[in-house]
Amino acid sequence: MPGSARTMAVMTVGGLVVATAYTVALGSNGWLWFSWVVLALVTIGVVAARPA
């Protein structure tokens, strides 16, 4: 996995941890989860577009 894809993957996992912690502490926020889903989809796209 190239450096940029690895960085995106780490950011996505970190975002999931933050979104989960926020939801547990303060309650659900739809925009937060929507943003995380968009980040996850972009990460999947970056990983899928990497050269073979």
PDB file of N, CA and C in Angstrom:
ATOM      1  N   MET A   1       0.866  -1.178   0.000  1.00  0.00           N
ATOM      2  CA  MET A   1       0.000   0.000   0.000  1.00  0.00           C
ATOM      3  C   MET A   1       0.907   1.234   0.000  1.00  0.00           C
ATOM      4  N   PRO A   2       0.715   2.125  -0.961  1.00  0.00           N
ATOM      5  CA  PRO A   2       1.528   3.349  -1.008  1.00  0.00           C
ATOM      6  C   PRO A   2       1.280   4.238   0.220  1.00  0.00           C
ATOM      7  N   GLY A   3       2.174   5.183   0.431  1.00  0.00           N
ATOM      8  CA  GLY A   3       2.093   6.053   1.612  1.00  0.00           C
ATOM      9  C   GLY A   3       0.796   6.820   1.708  1.00  0.00           C
ATOM     10  N   SER A   4       0.309   7.361   0.587  1.00  0.00           N
ATOM     11  CA  SER A   4      -0.921   8.161   0.644  1.00  0.00           C
ATOM     12  C   SER A   4      -2.126   7.306   1.007  1.00  0.00           C
ATOM     13  N   ALA A   5      -2.186   6.092   0.468  1.00  0.00           N
ATOM     14  CA  ALA A   5      -3.302   5.200   0.796  1.00  0.00           C
ATOM     15  C   ALA A   5      -3.233   4.778   2.256  1.00  0.00           C
ATOM     16  N   ARG A   6      -2.025   4.540   2.756  1.00  0.00           N
ATOM     17  CA  ARG A   6      -1.860   4.150   4.160  1.00  0.00           C
ATOM     18  C   ARG A   6      -2.291   5.305   5.065  1.00  0.00           C
ATOM     19  N   THR A   7      -1.921   6.529   4.705  1.00  0.00           N
ATOM     20  CA  THR A   7      -2.314   7.698   5.492  1.00  0.00           C
ATOM     21  C   THR A   7      -3.830   7.851   5.501  1.00  0.00           C
ATOM     22  N   MET A   8      -4.462   7.683   4.355  1.00  0.00           N
ATOM     23  CA  MET A   8      -5.922   7.771   4.284  1.00  0.00           C
ATOM     24  C   MET A   8      -6.573   6.694   5.148  1.00  0.00           C
ATOM     25  N   ALA A   9      -6.027   5.479   5.123  1.00  0.00           N
ATOM     26  CA  ALA A   9      -6.588   4.388   5.928  1.00  0.00           C
ATOM     27  C   ALA A   9      -6.471   4.705   7.419  1.00  0.00           C
ATOM     28  N   VAL A  10      -5.324   5.230   7.831  1.00  0.00           N
ATOM     29  CA  VAL A  10      -5.136   5.593   9.244  1.00  0.00           C
ATOM     30  C   VAL A  10      -6.102   6.707   9.638  1.00  0.00           C
ATOM     31  N   MET A  11      -6.278   7.691   8.755  1.00  0.00           N
ATOM     32  CA  MET A  11      -7.215   8.783   9.042  1.00  0.00           C
ATOM     33  C   MET A  11      -8.649   8.259   9.139  1.00  0.00           C
ATOM     34  N   THR A  12      -9.000   7.313   8.302  1.00  0.00           N
ATOM     35  CA  THR A  12     -10.354   6.756   8.323  1.00  0.00           C
ATOM     36  C   THR A  12     -10.613   5.997   9.623  1.00  0.00           C
ATOM     37  N   VAL A  13      -9.646   5.185  10.034  1.00  0.00           N
ATOM     38  CA  VAL A  13      -9.807   4.448  11.295  1.00  0.00           C
ATOM     39  C   VAL A  13      -9.854   5.432  12.462  1.00  0.00           C
ATOM     40  N   GLY A  14      -8.989   6.444  12.444  1.00  0.00           N
ATOM     41  CA  GLY A  14      -9.015   7.463  13.494  1.00  0.00           C
ATOM     42  C   GLY A  14     -10.349   8.198  13.518  1.00  0.00           C
ATOM     43  N   GLY A  15     -10.886   8.500  12.339  1.00  0.00           N
ATOM     44  CA  GLY A  15     -12.191   9.150  12.262  1.00  0.00           C
ATOM     45  C   GLY A  15     -13.300   8.281  12.835  1.00  0.00           C
ATOM     46  N   LEU A  16     -13.207   6.983  12.603  1.00  0.00           N
ATOM     47  CA  LEU A  16     -14.194   6.067  13.165  1.00  0.00           C
ATOM     48  C   LEU A  16     -14.130   6.074  14.685  1.00  0.00           C
ATOM     49  N   VAL A  17     -12.920   6.079  15.227  1.00  0.00           N
ATOM     50  CA  VAL A  17     -12.758   6.116  16.682  1.00  0.00           C
ATOM     51  C   VAL A  17     -13.341   7.414  17.245  1.00  0.00           C
ATOM     52  N   VAL A  18     -13.049   8.533  16.595  1.00  0.00           N
ATOM     53  CA  VAL A  18     -13.559   9.830  17.057  1.00  0.00           C
ATOM     54  C   VAL A  18     -15.084   9.871  16.970  1.00  0.00           C
ATOM     55  N   ALA A  19     -15.639   9.410  15.850  1.00  0.00           N
ATOM     56  CA  ALA A  19     -17.095   9.424  15.688  1.00  0.00           C
ATOM     57  C   ALA A  19     -17.776   8.543  16.728  1.00  0.00           C
ATOM     58  N   THR A  20     -17.183   7.390  17.001  1.00  0.00           N
ATOM     59  CA  THR A  20     -17.755   6.487  18.001  1.00  0.00           C
ATOM     60  C   THR A  20     -17.682   7.108  19.392  1.00  0.00           C
ATOM     61  N   ALA A  21     -16.533   7.684  19.733  1.00  0.00           N
ATOM     62  CA  ALA A  21     -16.380   8.314  21.045  1.00  0.00           C
ATOM     63  C   ALA A  21     -17.359   9.472  21.207  1.00  0.00           C
ATOM     64  N   TYR A  22     -17.519  10.284  20.163  1.00  0.00           N
ATOM     65  CA  TYR A  22     -18.464  11.406  20.213  1.00  0.00           C
ATOM     66  C   TYR A  22     -19.883  10.896  20.430  1.00  0.00           C
ATOM     67  N   THR A  23     -20.242   9.837  19.702  1.00  0.00           N
ATOM     68  CA  THR A  23     -21.592   9.292  19.824  1.00  0.00           C
ATOM     69  C   THR A  23     -21.841   8.755  21.221  1.00  0.00           C
ATOM     70  N   VAL A  24     -20.855   8.072  21.792  1.00  0.00           N
ATOM     71  CA  VAL A  24     -21.015   7.530  23.145  1.00  0.00           C
ATOM     72  C   VAL A  24     -21.123   8.663  24.165  1.00  0.00           C
ATOM     73  N   ALA A  25     -20.308   9.698  24.002  1.00  0.00           N
ATOM     74  CA  ALA A  25     -20.260  10.768  25.001  1.00  0.00           C
ATOM     75  C   ALA A  25     -21.418  11.753  24.866  1.00  0.00           C
ATOM     76  N   LEU A  26     -21.750  12.148  23.643  1.00  0.00           N
ATOM     77  CA  LEU A  26     -22.697  13.249  23.458  1.00  0.00           C
ATOM     78  C   LEU A  26     -23.953  12.886  22.667  1.00  0.00           C
ATOM     79  N   GLY A  27     -24.019  11.689  22.146  1.00  0.00           N
ATOM     80  CA  GLY A  27     -25.171  11.295  21.350  1.00  0.00           C
ATOM     81  C   GLY A  27     -24.856  11.349  19.868  1.00  0.00           C
ATOM     82  N   SER A  28     -25.703  10.747  19.089  1.00  0.00           N
ATOM     83  CA  SER A  28     -25.455  10.604  17.656  1.00  0.00           C
ATOM     84  C   SER A  28     -25.531  11.944  16.926  1.00  0.00           C
ATOM     85  N   ASN A  29     -24.683  12.080  15.935  1.00  0.00           N
ATOM     86  CA  ASN A  29     -24.673  13.262  15.080  1.00  0.00           C
ATOM     87  C   ASN A  29     -24.642  12.764  13.635  1.00  0.00           C
ATOM     88  N   GLY A  30     -25.716  12.957  12.910  1.00  0.00           N
ATOM     89  CA  GLY A  30     -25.829  12.449  11.548  1.00  0.00           C
ATOM     90  C   GLY A  30     -24.756  12.984  10.609  1.00  0.00           C
ATOM     91  N   TRP A  31     -24.424  14.259  10.739  1.00  0.00           N
ATOM     92  CA  TRP A  31     -23.404  14.851   9.857  1.00  0.00           C
ATOM     93  C   TRP A  31     -22.036  14.253  10.114  1.00  0.00           C
ATOM     94  N   LEU A  32     -21.754  13.947  11.360  1.00  0.00           N
ATOM     95  CA  LEU A  32     -20.471  13.326  11.698  1.00  0.00           C
ATOM     96  C   LEU A  32     -20.348  11.957  11.041  1.00  0.00           C
ATOM     97  N   TRP A  33     -21.402  11.169  11.132  1.00  0.00           N
ATOM     98  CA  TRP A  33     -21.359   9.840  10.518  1.00  0.00           C
ATOM     99  C   TRP A  33     -21.375   9.933   9.002  1.00  0.00           C
ATOM    100  N   PHE A  34     -22.111  10.878   8.445  1.00  0.00           N
ATOM    101  CA  PHE A  34     -22.107  11.081   6.998  1.00  0.00           C
ATOM    102  C   PHE A  34     -20.701  11.431   6.516  1.00  0.00           C
ATOM    103  N   SER A  35     -20.023  12.317   7.254  1.00  0.00           N
ATOM    104  CA  SER A  35     -18.659  12.705   6.897  1.00  0.00           C
ATOM    105  C   SER A  35     -17.719  11.508   6.965  1.00  0.00           C
ATOM    106  N   TRP A  36     -17.904  10.656   7.963  1.00  0.00           N
ATOM    107  CA  TRP A  36     -17.047   9.486   8.067  1.00  0.00           C
ATOM    108  C   TRP A  36     -17.285   8.523   6.905  1.00  0.00           C
ATOM    109  N   VAL A  37     -18.530   8.341   6.517  1.00  0.00           N
ATOM    110  CA  VAL A  37     -18.838   7.461   5.382  1.00  0.00           C
ATOM    111  C   VAL A  37     -18.199   8.001   4.103  1.00  0.00           C
ATOM    112  N   VAL A  38     -18.268   9.316   3.895  1.00  0.00           N
ATOM    113  CA  VAL A  38     -17.626   9.920   2.718  1.00  0.00           C
ATOM    114  C   VAL A  38     -16.121   9.684   2.779  1.00  0.00           C
ATOM    115  N   LEU A  39     -15.503   9.887   3.930  1.00  0.00           N
ATOM    116  CA  LEU A  39     -14.067   9.644   4.075  1.00  0.00           C
ATOM    117  C   LEU A  39     -13.730   8.184   3.791  1.00  0.00           C
ATOM    118  N   ALA A  40     -14.542   7.264   4.277  1.00  0.00           N
ATOM    119  CA  ALA A  40     -14.307   5.840   4.029  1.00  0.00           C
ATOM    120  C   ALA A  40     -14.413   5.523   2.542  1.00  0.00           C
ATOM    121  N   LEU A  41     -15.391   6.101   1.856  1.00  0.00           N
ATOM    122  CA  LEU A  41     -15.536   5.856   0.420  1.00  0.00           C
ATOM    123  C   LEU A  41     -14.368   6.426  -0.370  1.00  0.00           C
ATOM    124  N   VAL A  42     -13.902   7.598   0.012  1.00  0.00           N
ATOM    125  CA  VAL A  42     -12.732   8.186  -0.655  1.00  0.00           C
ATOM    126  C   VAL A  42     -11.504   7.309  -0.416  1.00  0.00           C
ATOM    127  N   THR A  43     -11.355   6.803   0.788  1.00  0.00           N
ATOM    128  CA  THR A  43     -10.229   5.919   1.097  1.00  0.00           C
ATOM    129  C   THR A  43     -10.293   4.654   0.246  1.00  0.00           C
ATOM    130  N   ILE A  44     -11.457   4.068   0.127  1.00  0.00           N
ATOM    131  CA  ILE A  44     -11.624   2.881  -0.717  1.00  0.00           C
ATOM    132  C   ILE A  44     -11.264   3.210  -2.164  1.00  0.00           C
ATOM    133  N   GLY A  45     -11.658   4.385  -2.625  1.00  0.00           N
ATOM    134  CA  GLY A  45     -11.329   4.796  -3.977  1.00  0.00           C
ATOM    135  C   GLY A  45      -9.831   4.965  -4.182  1.00  0.00           C
ATOM    136  N   VAL A  46      -9.150   5.541  -3.197  1.00  0.00           N
ATOM    137  CA  VAL A  46      -7.695   5.729  -3.288  1.00  0.00           C
ATOM    138  C   VAL A  46      -7.000   4.380  -3.315  1.00  0.00           C
ATOM    139  N   VAL A  47      -7.441   3.452  -2.462  1.00  0.00           N
ATOM    140  CA  VAL A  47      -6.828   2.127  -2.425  1.00  0.00           C
ATOM    141  C   VAL A  47      -7.095   1.378  -3.728  1.00  0.00           C
ATOM    142  N   ALA A  48      -8.308   1.504  -4.267  1.00  0.00           N
ATOM    143  CA  ALA A  48      -8.662   0.789  -5.494  1.00  0.00           C
ATOM    144  C   ALA A  48      -7.944   1.380  -6.712  1.00  0.00           C
ATOM    145  N   ALA A  49      -7.625   2.662  -6.677  1.00  0.00           N
ATOM    146  CA  ALA A  49      -7.006   3.314  -7.827  1.00  0.00           C
ATOM    147  C   ALA A  49      -5.495   3.173  -7.855  1.00  0.00           C
ATOM    148  N   ARG A  50      -4.927   2.604  -6.807  1.00  0.00           N
ATOM    149  CA  ARG A  50      -3.459   2.479  -6.774  1.00  0.00           C
ATOM    150  C   ARG A  50      -2.991   1.560  -7.892  1.00  0.00           C
ATOM    151  N   PRO A  51      -1.803   1.804  -8.391  1.00  0.00           N
ATOM    152  CA  PRO A  51      -1.280   0.954  -9.466  1.00  0.00           C
ATOM    153  C   PRO A  51      -1.033  -0.465  -8.965  1.00  0.00           C
ATOM    154  N   ALA A  52      -1.242  -1.416  -9.840  1.00  0.00           N
ATOM    155  CA  ALA A  52      -1.094  -2.825  -9.467  1.00  0.00           C
ATOM    156  C   ALA A  52       0.295  -3.258  -9.324  1.00  0.00           C
TER     157      ALA A  52
END
